[in-house]
Amino acid sequence: MSCGATSWSSISDAHVLDRREERVRFSGRWGATIFGGVGWLYGTGEELINSDGYYPSYGAGVHFIVKPEDHMLLNLEYTRGNLNNYGIYLRFGYAW
């Protein structure tokens, strides 16, 4: 699922996602993340035709390298999607 979007499994039979992300380092351990993505829903009926089944999202955040030797990040992001969806995400322990 793309950040900033509702759970698509309840409104569509199938979906396709694409997300692009860029990270920039400020110092040895701190940096910023910017990203954008889009999802397409298909396979249901009339409601997707009315909304085009197109759901873009974008956002930004900061990250901190917790364990450089293991490439482990702590990330805080804010994201927006269409239809007034938004979110704040705290992710921990994933590799860059």
PDB file of N, CA and C in Angstrom:
ATOM      1  N   MET A   1       0.834  -1.172   0.000  1.00  0.00           N
ATOM      2  CA  MET A   1       0.000   0.000   0.000  1.00  0.00           C
ATOM      3  C   MET A   1       0.880   1.237   0.000  1.00  0.00           C
ATOM      4  N   SER A   2       0.468   2.236  -0.712  1.00  0.00           N
ATOM      5  CA  SER A   2       1.193   3.493  -0.750  1.00  0.00           C
ATOM      6  C   SER A   2       0.816   4.333   0.468  1.00  0.00           C
ATOM      7  N   CYS A   3       1.777   5.047   1.036  1.00  0.00           N
ATOM      8  CA  CYS A   3       1.486   5.920   2.170  1.00  0.00           C
ATOM      9  C   CYS A   3       0.454   6.962   1.769  1.00  0.00           C
ATOM     10  N   GLY A   4      -0.441   7.296   2.677  1.00  0.00           N
ATOM     11  CA  GLY A   4      -1.457   8.307   2.424  1.00  0.00           C
ATOM     12  C   GLY A   4      -2.684   7.792   1.713  1.00  0.00           C
ATOM     13  N   ALA A   5      -2.808   6.489   1.552  1.00  0.00           N
ATOM     14  CA  ALA A   5      -3.956   5.914   0.853  1.00  0.00           C
ATOM     15  C   ALA A   5      -4.732   5.008   1.793  1.00  0.00           C
ATOM     16  N   THR A   6      -6.001   4.855   1.514  1.00  0.00           N
ATOM     17  CA  THR A   6      -6.821   3.960   2.316  1.00  0.00           C
ATOM     18  C   THR A   6      -6.488   2.516   1.976  1.00  0.00           C
ATOM     19  N   SER A   7      -6.979   1.595   2.751  1.00  0.00           N
ATOM     20  CA  SER A   7      -6.753   0.179   2.470  1.00  0.00           C
ATOM     21  C   SER A   7      -7.499  -0.205   1.209  1.00  0.00           C
ATOM     22  N   TRP A   8      -6.761  -0.546   0.184  1.00  0.00           N
ATOM     23  CA  TRP A   8      -7.352  -0.769  -1.123  1.00  0.00           C
ATOM     24  C   TRP A   8      -8.005  -2.132  -1.257  1.00  0.00           C
ATOM     25  N   SER A   9      -7.660  -3.063  -0.407  1.00  0.00           N
ATOM     26  CA  SER A   9      -8.227  -4.402  -0.543  1.00  0.00           C
ATOM     27  C   SER A   9      -9.734  -4.408  -0.335  1.00  0.00           C
ATOM     28  N   SER A  10     -10.255  -3.405   0.358  1.00  0.00           N
ATOM     29  CA  SER A  10     -11.690  -3.365   0.597  1.00  0.00           C
ATOM     30  C   SER A  10     -12.471  -2.669  -0.513  1.00  0.00           C
ATOM     31  N   ILE A  11     -11.793  -1.984  -1.442  1.00  0.00           N
ATOM     32  CA  ILE A  11     -12.524  -1.254  -2.481  1.00  0.00           C
ATOM     33  C   ILE A  11     -12.168  -1.685  -3.887  1.00  0.00           C
ATOM     34  N   SER A  12     -11.279  -2.670  -4.040  1.00  0.00           N
ATOM     35  CA  SER A  12     -10.871  -3.078  -5.377  1.00  0.00           C
ATOM     36  C   SER A  12     -10.477  -4.545  -5.388  1.00  0.00           C
ATOM     37  N   ASP A  13     -10.665  -5.177  -6.537  1.00  0.00           N
ATOM     38  CA  ASP A  13     -10.212  -6.556  -6.700  1.00  0.00           C
ATOM     39  C   ASP A  13      -8.710  -6.629  -6.910  1.00  0.00           C
ATOM     40  N   ALA A  14      -8.113  -5.599  -7.525  1.00  0.00           N
ATOM     41  CA  ALA A  14      -6.679  -5.607  -7.819  1.00  0.00           C
ATOM     42  C   ALA A  14      -6.152  -4.178  -7.876  1.00  0.00           C
ATOM     43  N   HIS A  15      -4.839  -4.031  -7.641  1.00  0.00           N
ATOM     44  CA  HIS A  15      -4.219  -2.716  -7.715  1.00  0.00           C
ATOM     45  C   HIS A  15      -2.767  -2.845  -8.140  1.00  0.00           C
ATOM     46  N   VAL A  16      -2.221  -1.735  -8.662  1.00  0.00           N
ATOM     47  CA  VAL A  16      -0.823  -1.630  -9.062  1.00  0.00           C
ATOM     48  C   VAL A  16      -0.264  -0.392  -8.378  1.00  0.00           C
ATOM     49  N   LEU A  17       0.943  -0.512  -7.795  1.00  0.00           N
ATOM     50  CA  LEU A  17       1.570   0.599  -7.079  1.00  0.00           C
ATOM     51  C   LEU A  17       2.928   0.932  -7.674  1.00  0.00           C
ATOM     52  N   ASP A  18       3.296   2.203  -7.605  1.00  0.00           N
ATOM     53  CA  ASP A  18       4.642   2.633  -7.955  1.00  0.00           C
ATOM     54  C   ASP A  18       5.004   3.752  -6.996  1.00  0.00           C
ATOM     55  N   ARG A  19       6.157   3.636  -6.354  1.00  0.00           N
ATOM     56  CA  ARG A  19       6.623   4.664  -5.419  1.00  0.00           C
ATOM     57  C   ARG A  19       8.092   4.942  -5.703  1.00  0.00           C
ATOM     58  N   ARG A  20       8.448   6.216  -5.730  1.00  0.00           N
ATOM     59  CA  ARG A  20       9.836   6.650  -5.919  1.00  0.00           C
ATOM     60  C   ARG A  20      10.249   7.447  -4.691  1.00  0.00           C
ATOM     61  N   GLU A  21      11.493   7.242  -4.262  1.00  0.00           N
ATOM     62  CA  GLU A  21      11.974   7.871  -3.041  1.00  0.00           C
ATOM     63  C   GLU A  21      13.403   8.359  -3.249  1.00  0.00           C
ATOM     64  N   GLU A  22      13.698   9.493  -2.639  1.00  0.00           N
ATOM     65  CA  GLU A  22      15.060  10.032  -2.681  1.00  0.00           C
ATOM     66  C   GLU A  22      15.452  10.406  -1.254  1.00  0.00           C
ATOM     67  N   ARG A  23      16.671  10.042  -0.884  1.00  0.00           N
ATOM     68  CA  ARG A  23      17.193  10.372   0.440  1.00  0.00           C
ATOM     69  C   ARG A  23      18.434  11.240   0.293  1.00  0.00           C
ATOM     70  N   VAL A  24      18.518  12.279   1.114  1.00  0.00           N
ATOM     71  CA  VAL A  24      19.650  13.207   1.110  1.00  0.00           C
ATOM     72  C   VAL A  24      20.186  13.277   2.535  1.00  0.00           C
ATOM     73  N   ARG A  25      21.484  13.177   2.682  1.00  0.00           N
ATOM     74  CA  ARG A  25      22.096  13.217   4.008  1.00  0.00           C
ATOM     75  C   ARG A  25      22.525  14.629   4.370  1.00  0.00           C
ATOM     76  N   PHE A  26      22.165  15.080   5.594  1.00  0.00           N
ATOM     77  CA  PHE A  26      22.585  16.391   6.113  1.00  0.00           C
ATOM     78  C   PHE A  26      23.942  16.295   6.786  1.00  0.00           C
ATOM     79  N   SER A  27      24.116  15.240   7.559  1.00  0.00           N
ATOM     80  CA  SER A  27      25.350  15.041   8.313  1.00  0.00           C
ATOM     81  C   SER A  27      25.631  13.541   8.336  1.00  0.00           C
ATOM     82  N   GLY A  28      26.500  13.118   9.234  1.00  0.00           N
ATOM     83  CA  GLY A  28      26.858  11.713   9.287  1.00  0.00           C
ATOM     84  C   GLY A  28      25.678  10.777   9.489  1.00  0.00           C
ATOM     85  N   ARG A  29      24.704  11.170  10.318  1.00  0.00           N
ATOM     86  CA  ARG A  29      23.584  10.271  10.630  1.00  0.00           C
ATOM     87  C   ARG A  29      22.205  10.829  10.281  1.00  0.00           C
ATOM     88  N   TRP A  30      22.073  12.108  10.038  1.00  0.00           N
ATOM     89  CA  TRP A  30      20.763  12.727   9.772  1.00  0.00           C
ATOM     90  C   TRP A  30      20.570  12.976   8.285  1.00  0.00           C
ATOM     91  N   GLY A  31      19.309  12.874   7.844  1.00  0.00           N
ATOM     92  CA  GLY A  31      19.000  13.154   6.455  1.00  0.00           C
ATOM     93  C   GLY A  31      17.522  13.403   6.248  1.00  0.00           C
ATOM     94  N   ALA A  32      17.156  13.641   5.011  1.00  0.00           N
ATOM     95  CA  ALA A  32      15.763  13.899   4.631  1.00  0.00           C
ATOM     96  C   ALA A  32      15.339  12.890   3.572  1.00  0.00           C
ATOM     97  N   THR A  33      14.050  12.628   3.552  1.00  0.00           N
ATOM     98  CA  THR A  33      13.458  11.731   2.567  1.00  0.00           C
ATOM     99  C   THR A  33      12.319  12.466   1.874  1.00  0.00           C
ATOM    100  N   ILE A  34      12.281  12.417   0.553  1.00  0.00           N
ATOM    101  CA  ILE A  34      11.125  12.907  -0.199  1.00  0.00           C
ATOM    102  C   ILE A  34      10.661  11.763  -1.095  1.00  0.00           C
ATOM    103  N   PHE A  35       9.366  11.692  -1.316  1.00  0.00           N
ATOM    104  CA  PHE A  35       8.846  10.586  -2.105  1.00  0.00           C
ATOM    105  C   PHE A  35       7.524  10.959  -2.770  1.00  0.00           C
ATOM    106  N   GLY A  36       7.188  10.201  -3.760  1.00  0.00           N
ATOM    107  CA  GLY A  36       5.914  10.324  -4.451  1.00  0.00           C
ATOM    108  C   GLY A  36       5.542   8.971  -5.009  1.00  0.00           C
ATOM    109  N   GLY A  37       4.281   8.774  -5.195  1.00  0.00           N
ATOM    110  CA  GLY A  37       3.836   7.498  -5.722  1.00  0.00           C
ATOM    111  C   GLY A  37       2.445   7.604  -6.297  1.00  0.00           C
ATOM    112  N   VAL A  38       2.032   6.529  -6.905  1.00  0.00           N
ATOM    113  CA  VAL A  38       0.692   6.479  -7.478  1.00  0.00           C
ATOM    114  C   VAL A  38       0.199   5.036  -7.427  1.00  0.00           C
ATOM    115  N   GLY A  39      -1.065   4.900  -7.232  1.00  0.00           N
ATOM    116  CA  GLY A  39      -1.693   3.586  -7.268  1.00  0.00           C
ATOM    117  C   GLY A  39      -2.863   3.613  -8.235  1.00  0.00           C
ATOM    118  N   TRP A  40      -3.081   2.499  -8.903  1.00  0.00           N
ATOM    119  CA  TRP A  40      -4.226   2.360  -9.797  1.00  0.00           C
ATOM    120  C   TRP A  40      -5.045   1.174  -9.329  1.00  0.00           C
ATOM    121  N   LEU A  41      -6.336   1.378  -9.224  1.00  0.00           N
ATOM    122  CA  LEU A  41      -7.250   0.308  -8.854  1.00  0.00           C
ATOM    123  C   LEU A  41      -8.003  -0.147 -10.086  1.00  0.00           C
ATOM    124  N   TYR A  42      -8.259  -1.427 -10.163  1.00  0.00           N
ATOM    125  CA  TYR A  42      -9.047  -1.951 -11.278  1.00  0.00           C
ATOM    126  C   TYR A  42      -9.708  -3.250 -10.849  1.00  0.00           C
ATOM    127  N   GLY A  43     -10.691  -3.652 -11.623  1.00  0.00           N
ATOM    128  CA  GLY A  43     -11.314  -4.942 -11.391  1.00  0.00           C
ATOM    129  C   GLY A  43     -12.612  -4.910 -10.633  1.00  0.00           C
ATOM    130  N   THR A  44     -13.084  -3.734 -10.204  1.00  0.00           N
ATOM    131  CA  THR A  44     -14.400  -3.677  -9.580  1.00  0.00           C
ATOM    132  C   THR A  44     -15.356  -3.038 -10.561  1.00  0.00           C
ATOM    133  N   GLY A  45     -16.139  -2.141 -10.168  1.00  0.00           N
ATOM    134  CA  GLY A  45     -17.163  -1.686 -11.091  1.00  0.00           C
ATOM    135  C   GLY A  45     -17.288  -0.198 -11.201  1.00  0.00           C
ATOM    136  N   GLU A  46     -18.489   0.268 -11.060  1.00  0.00           N
ATOM    137  CA  GLU A  46     -18.868   1.643 -11.326  1.00  0.00           C
ATOM    138  C   GLU A  46     -18.092   2.658 -10.484  1.00  0.00           C
ATOM    139  N   GLU A  47     -17.823   2.355  -9.201  1.00  0.00           N
ATOM    140  CA  GLU A  47     -17.172   3.354  -8.353  1.00  0.00           C
ATOM    141  C   GLU A  47     -15.767   3.696  -8.833  1.00  0.00           C
ATOM    142  N   LEU A  48     -15.058   2.764  -9.460  1.00  0.00           N
ATOM    143  CA  LEU A  48     -13.725   3.077  -9.977  1.00  0.00           C
ATOM    144  C   LEU A  48     -13.791   3.923 -11.229  1.00  0.00           C
ATOM    145  N   ILE A  49     -14.777   3.713 -12.050  1.00  0.00           N
ATOM    146  CA  ILE A  49     -14.950   4.544 -13.241  1.00  0.00           C
ATOM    147  C   ILE A  49     -15.221   5.981 -12.826  1.00  0.00           C
ATOM    148  N   ASN A  50     -16.013   6.168 -11.779  1.00  0.00           N
ATOM    149  CA  ASN A  50     -16.330   7.513 -11.314  1.00  0.00           C
ATOM    150  C   ASN A  50     -15.120   8.217 -10.694  1.00  0.00           C
ATOM    151  N   SER A  51     -14.210   7.490 -10.046  1.00  0.00           N
ATOM    152  CA  SER A  51     -13.035   8.114  -9.430  1.00  0.00           C
ATOM    153  C   SER A  51     -11.778   7.914 -10.266  1.00  0.00           C
ATOM    154  N   ASP A  52     -11.886   7.323 -11.418  1.00  0.00           N
ATOM    155  CA  ASP A  52     -10.782   7.028 -12.332  1.00  0.00           C
ATOM    156  C   ASP A  52      -9.816   5.978 -11.795  1.00  0.00           C
ATOM    157  N   GLY A  53      -9.999   5.511 -10.563  1.00  0.00           N
ATOM    158  CA  GLY A  53      -9.126   4.497 -10.002  1.00  0.00           C
ATOM    159  C   GLY A  53      -7.692   4.940  -9.826  1.00  0.00           C
ATOM    160  N   TYR A  54      -7.428   6.233  -9.787  1.00  0.00           N
ATOM    161  CA  TYR A  54      -6.089   6.825  -9.764  1.00  0.00           C
ATOM    162  C   TYR A  54      -5.868   7.499  -8.413  1.00  0.00           C
ATOM    163  N   TYR A  55      -4.820   7.105  -7.675  1.00  0.00           N
ATOM    164  CA  TYR A  55      -4.581   7.610  -6.331  1.00  0.00           C
ATOM    165  C   TYR A  55      -3.113   8.024  -6.159  1.00  0.00           C
ATOM    166  N   PRO A  56      -2.789   9.292  -6.379  1.00  0.00           N
ATOM    167  CA  PRO A  56      -1.411   9.758  -6.179  1.00  0.00           C
ATOM    168  C   PRO A  56      -1.152  10.041  -4.695  1.00  0.00           C
ATOM    169  N   SER A  57       0.115   9.997  -4.302  1.00  0.00           N
ATOM    170  CA  SER A  57       0.511  10.395  -2.956  1.00  0.00           C
ATOM    171  C   SER A  57       1.924  10.973  -3.004  1.00  0.00           C
ATOM    172  N   TYR A  58       2.258  11.774  -2.007  1.00  0.00           N
ATOM    173  CA  TYR A  58       3.569  12.397  -1.925  1.00  0.00           C
ATOM    174  C   TYR A  58       3.849  12.736  -0.468  1.00  0.00           C
ATOM    175  N   GLY A  59       5.107  12.964  -0.146  1.00  0.00           N
ATOM    176  CA  GLY A  59       5.429  13.319   1.224  1.00  0.00           C
ATOM    177  C   GLY A  59       6.907  13.552   1.428  1.00  0.00           C
ATOM    178  N   ALA A  60       7.243  13.814   2.688  1.00  0.00           N
ATOM    179  CA  ALA A  60       8.628  14.078   3.064  1.00  0.00           C
ATOM    180  C   ALA A  60       8.815  13.718   4.527  1.00  0.00           C
ATOM    181  N   GLY A  61      10.066  13.553   4.894  1.00  0.00           N
ATOM    182  CA  GLY A  61      10.356  13.238   6.281  1.00  0.00           C
ATOM    183  C   GLY A  61      11.831  13.383   6.590  1.00  0.00           C
ATOM    184  N   VAL A  62      12.175  13.039   7.803  1.00  0.00           N
ATOM    185  CA  VAL A  62      13.563  13.031   8.245  1.00  0.00           C
ATOM    186  C   VAL A  62      13.924  11.616   8.655  1.00  0.00           C
ATOM    187  N   HIS A  63      15.198  11.290   8.505  1.00  0.00           N
ATOM    188  CA  HIS A  63      15.643   9.977   8.968  1.00  0.00           C
ATOM    189  C   HIS A  63      16.943  10.098   9.753  1.00  0.00           C
ATOM    190  N   PHE A  64      17.143   9.133  10.632  1.00  0.00           N
ATOM    191  CA  PHE A  64      18.323   9.046  11.465  1.00  0.00           C
ATOM    192  C   PHE A  64      18.904   7.647  11.302  1.00  0.00           C
ATOM    193  N   ILE A  65      20.208   7.552  11.060  1.00  0.00           N
ATOM    194  CA  ILE A  65      20.861   6.254  10.917  1.00  0.00           C
ATOM    195  C   ILE A  65      21.186   5.737  12.311  1.00  0.00           C
ATOM    196  N   VAL A  66      20.451   4.711  12.735  1.00  0.00           N
ATOM    197  CA  VAL A  66      20.595   4.166  14.082  1.00  0.00           C
ATOM    198  C   VAL A  66      21.861   3.321  14.203  1.00  0.00           C
ATOM    199  N   LYS A  67      22.057   2.410  13.250  1.00  0.00           N
ATOM    200  CA  LYS A  67      23.227   1.528  13.258  1.00  0.00           C
ATOM    201  C   LYS A  67      23.875   1.579  11.884  1.00  0.00           C
ATOM    202  N   PRO A  68      24.865   2.433  11.706  1.00  0.00           N
ATOM    203  CA  PRO A  68      25.498   2.561  10.383  1.00  0.00           C
ATOM    204  C   PRO A  68      26.057   1.247   9.850  1.00  0.00           C
ATOM    205  N   GLU A  69      26.632   0.427  10.720  1.00  0.00           N
ATOM    206  CA  GLU A  69      27.230  -0.818  10.256  1.00  0.00           C
ATOM    207  C   GLU A  69      26.193  -1.804   9.700  1.00  0.00           C
ATOM    208  N   ASP A  70      24.930  -1.670  10.135  1.00  0.00           N
ATOM    209  CA  ASP A  70      23.856  -2.533   9.639  1.00  0.00           C
ATOM    210  C   ASP A  70      22.906  -1.803   8.690  1.00  0.00           C
ATOM    211  N   HIS A  71      23.211  -0.536   8.368  1.00  0.00           N
ATOM    212  CA  HIS A  71      22.358   0.294   7.496  1.00  0.00           C
ATOM    213  C   HIS A  71      20.929   0.377   8.030  1.00  0.00           C
ATOM    214  N   MET A  72      20.764   0.577   9.332  1.00  0.00           N
ATOM    215  CA  MET A  72      19.448   0.601   9.965  1.00  0.00           C
ATOM    216  C   MET A  72      18.982   2.038  10.201  1.00  0.00           C
ATOM    217  N   LEU A  73      17.758   2.347   9.738  1.00  0.00           N
ATOM    218  CA  LEU A  73      17.206   3.701   9.818  1.00  0.00           C
ATOM    219  C   LEU A  73      16.023   3.802  10.773  1.00  0.00           C
ATOM    220  N   LEU A  74      15.845   4.997  11.314  1.00  0.00           N
ATOM    221  CA  LEU A  74      14.629   5.426  11.998  1.00  0.00           C
ATOM    222  C   LEU A  74      14.097   6.574  11.153  1.00  0.00           C
ATOM    223  N   ASN A  75      12.828   6.522  10.748  1.00  0.00           N
ATOM    224  CA  ASN A  75      12.290   7.476   9.790  1.00  0.00           C
ATOM    225  C   ASN A  75      10.947   8.013  10.274  1.00  0.00           C
ATOM    226  N   LEU A  76      10.748   9.329  10.231  1.00  0.00           N
ATOM    227  CA  LEU A  76       9.476   9.975  10.529  1.00  0.00           C
ATOM    228  C   LEU A  76       9.034  10.709   9.270  1.00  0.00           C
ATOM    229  N   GLU A  77       7.852  10.343   8.733  1.00  0.00           N
ATOM    230  CA  GLU A  77       7.375  10.908   7.468  1.00  0.00           C
ATOM    231  C   GLU A  77       5.949  11.434   7.590  1.00  0.00           C
ATOM    232  N   TYR A  78       5.682  12.482   6.833  1.00  0.00           N
ATOM    233  CA  TYR A  78       4.323  12.995   6.657  1.00  0.00           C
ATOM    234  C   TYR A  78       3.962  12.788   5.191  1.00  0.00           C
ATOM    235  N   THR A  79       2.773  12.287   4.938  1.00  0.00           N
ATOM    236  CA  THR A  79       2.367  12.018   3.566  1.00  0.00           C
ATOM    237  C   THR A  79       0.930  12.471   3.318  1.00  0.00           C
ATOM    238  N   ARG A  80       0.664  12.835   2.059  1.00  0.00           N
ATOM    239  CA  ARG A  80      -0.686  13.244   1.632  1.00  0.00           C
ATOM    240  C   ARG A  80      -1.056  12.461   0.387  1.00  0.00           C
ATOM    241  N   GLY A  81      -2.327  12.132   0.324  1.00  0.00           N
ATOM    242  CA  GLY A  81      -2.881  11.489  -0.849  1.00  0.00           C
ATOM    243  C   GLY A  81      -4.118  12.246  -1.290  1.00  0.00           C
ATOM    244  N   ASN A  82      -4.720  11.792  -2.364  1.00  0.00           N
ATOM    245  CA  ASN A  82      -5.941  12.483  -2.771  1.00  0.00           C
ATOM    246  C   ASN A  82      -7.098  12.051  -1.864  1.00  0.00           C
ATOM    247  N   LEU A  83      -8.244  12.639  -2.072  1.00  0.00           N
ATOM    248  CA  LEU A  83      -9.442  12.364  -1.270  1.00  0.00           C
ATOM    249  C   LEU A  83      -9.225  12.665   0.215  1.00  0.00           C
ATOM    250  N   ASN A  84      -8.405  13.680   0.520  1.00  0.00           N
ATOM    251  CA  ASN A  84      -8.125  14.141   1.884  1.00  0.00           C
ATOM    252  C   ASN A  84      -7.481  13.095   2.782  1.00  0.00           C
ATOM    253  N   ASN A  85      -6.778  12.136   2.223  1.00  0.00           N
ATOM    254  CA  ASN A  85      -6.032  11.163   3.023  1.00  0.00           C
ATOM    255  C   ASN A  85      -4.668  11.732   3.372  1.00  0.00           C
ATOM    256  N   TYR A  86      -4.228  11.487   4.591  1.00  0.00           N
ATOM    257  CA  TYR A  86      -2.896  11.897   5.022  1.00  0.00           C
ATOM    258  C   TYR A  86      -2.449  10.968   6.144  1.00  0.00           C
ATOM    259  N   GLY A  87      -1.177  10.999   6.453  1.00  0.00           N
ATOM    260  CA  GLY A  87      -0.688  10.170   7.535  1.00  0.00           C
ATOM    261  C   GLY A  87       0.668  10.620   8.031  1.00  0.00           C
ATOM    262  N   ILE A  88       0.972  10.230   9.247  1.00  0.00           N
ATOM    263  CA  ILE A  88       2.281  10.413   9.841  1.00  0.00           C
ATOM    264  C   ILE A  88       2.782   9.017  10.173  1.00  0.00           C
ATOM    265  N   TYR A  89       3.954   8.674   9.654  1.00  0.00           N
ATOM    266  CA  TYR A  89       4.495   7.329   9.792  1.00  0.00           C
ATOM    267  C   TYR A  89       5.829   7.370  10.515  1.00  0.00           C
ATOM    268  N   LEU A  90       5.989   6.511  11.510  1.00  0.00           N
ATOM    269  CA  LEU A  90       7.252   6.315  12.193  1.00  0.00           C
ATOM    270  C   LEU A  90       7.690   4.883  11.875  1.00  0.00           C
ATOM    271  N   ARG A  91       8.797   4.756  11.172  1.00  0.00           N
ATOM    272  CA  ARG A  91       9.307   3.441  10.785  1.00  0.00           C
ATOM    273  C   ARG A  91      10.666   3.234  11.431  1.00  0.00           C
ATOM    274  N   PHE A  92      10.898   2.030  11.896  1.00  0.00           N
ATOM    275  CA  PHE A  92      12.139   1.725  12.577  1.00  0.00           C
ATOM    276  C   PHE A  92      12.689   0.376  12.129  1.00  0.00           C
ATOM    277  N   GLY A  93      13.996   0.338  11.931  1.00  0.00           N
ATOM    278  CA  GLY A  93      14.667  -0.929  11.738  1.00  0.00           C
ATOM    279  C   GLY A  93      14.738  -1.445  10.322  1.00  0.00           C
ATOM    280  N   TYR A  94      14.479  -0.631   9.336  1.00  0.00           N
ATOM    281  CA  TYR A  94      14.581  -1.111   7.964  1.00  0.00           C
ATOM    282  C   TYR A  94      15.889  -0.612   7.354  1.00  0.00           C
ATOM    283  N   ALA A  95      16.364  -1.358   6.373  1.00  0.00           N
ATOM    284  CA  ALA A  95      17.645  -1.020   5.749  1.00  0.00           C
ATOM    285  C   ALA A  95      17.454   0.007   4.649  1.00  0.00           C
ATOM    286  N   TRP A  96      18.512   0.798   4.393  1.00  0.00           N
ATOM    287  CA  TRP A  96      18.454   1.733   3.279  1.00  0.00           C
ATOM    288  C   TRP A  96      19.028   1.144   2.047  1.00  0.00           C
TER     289      TRP A  96
END
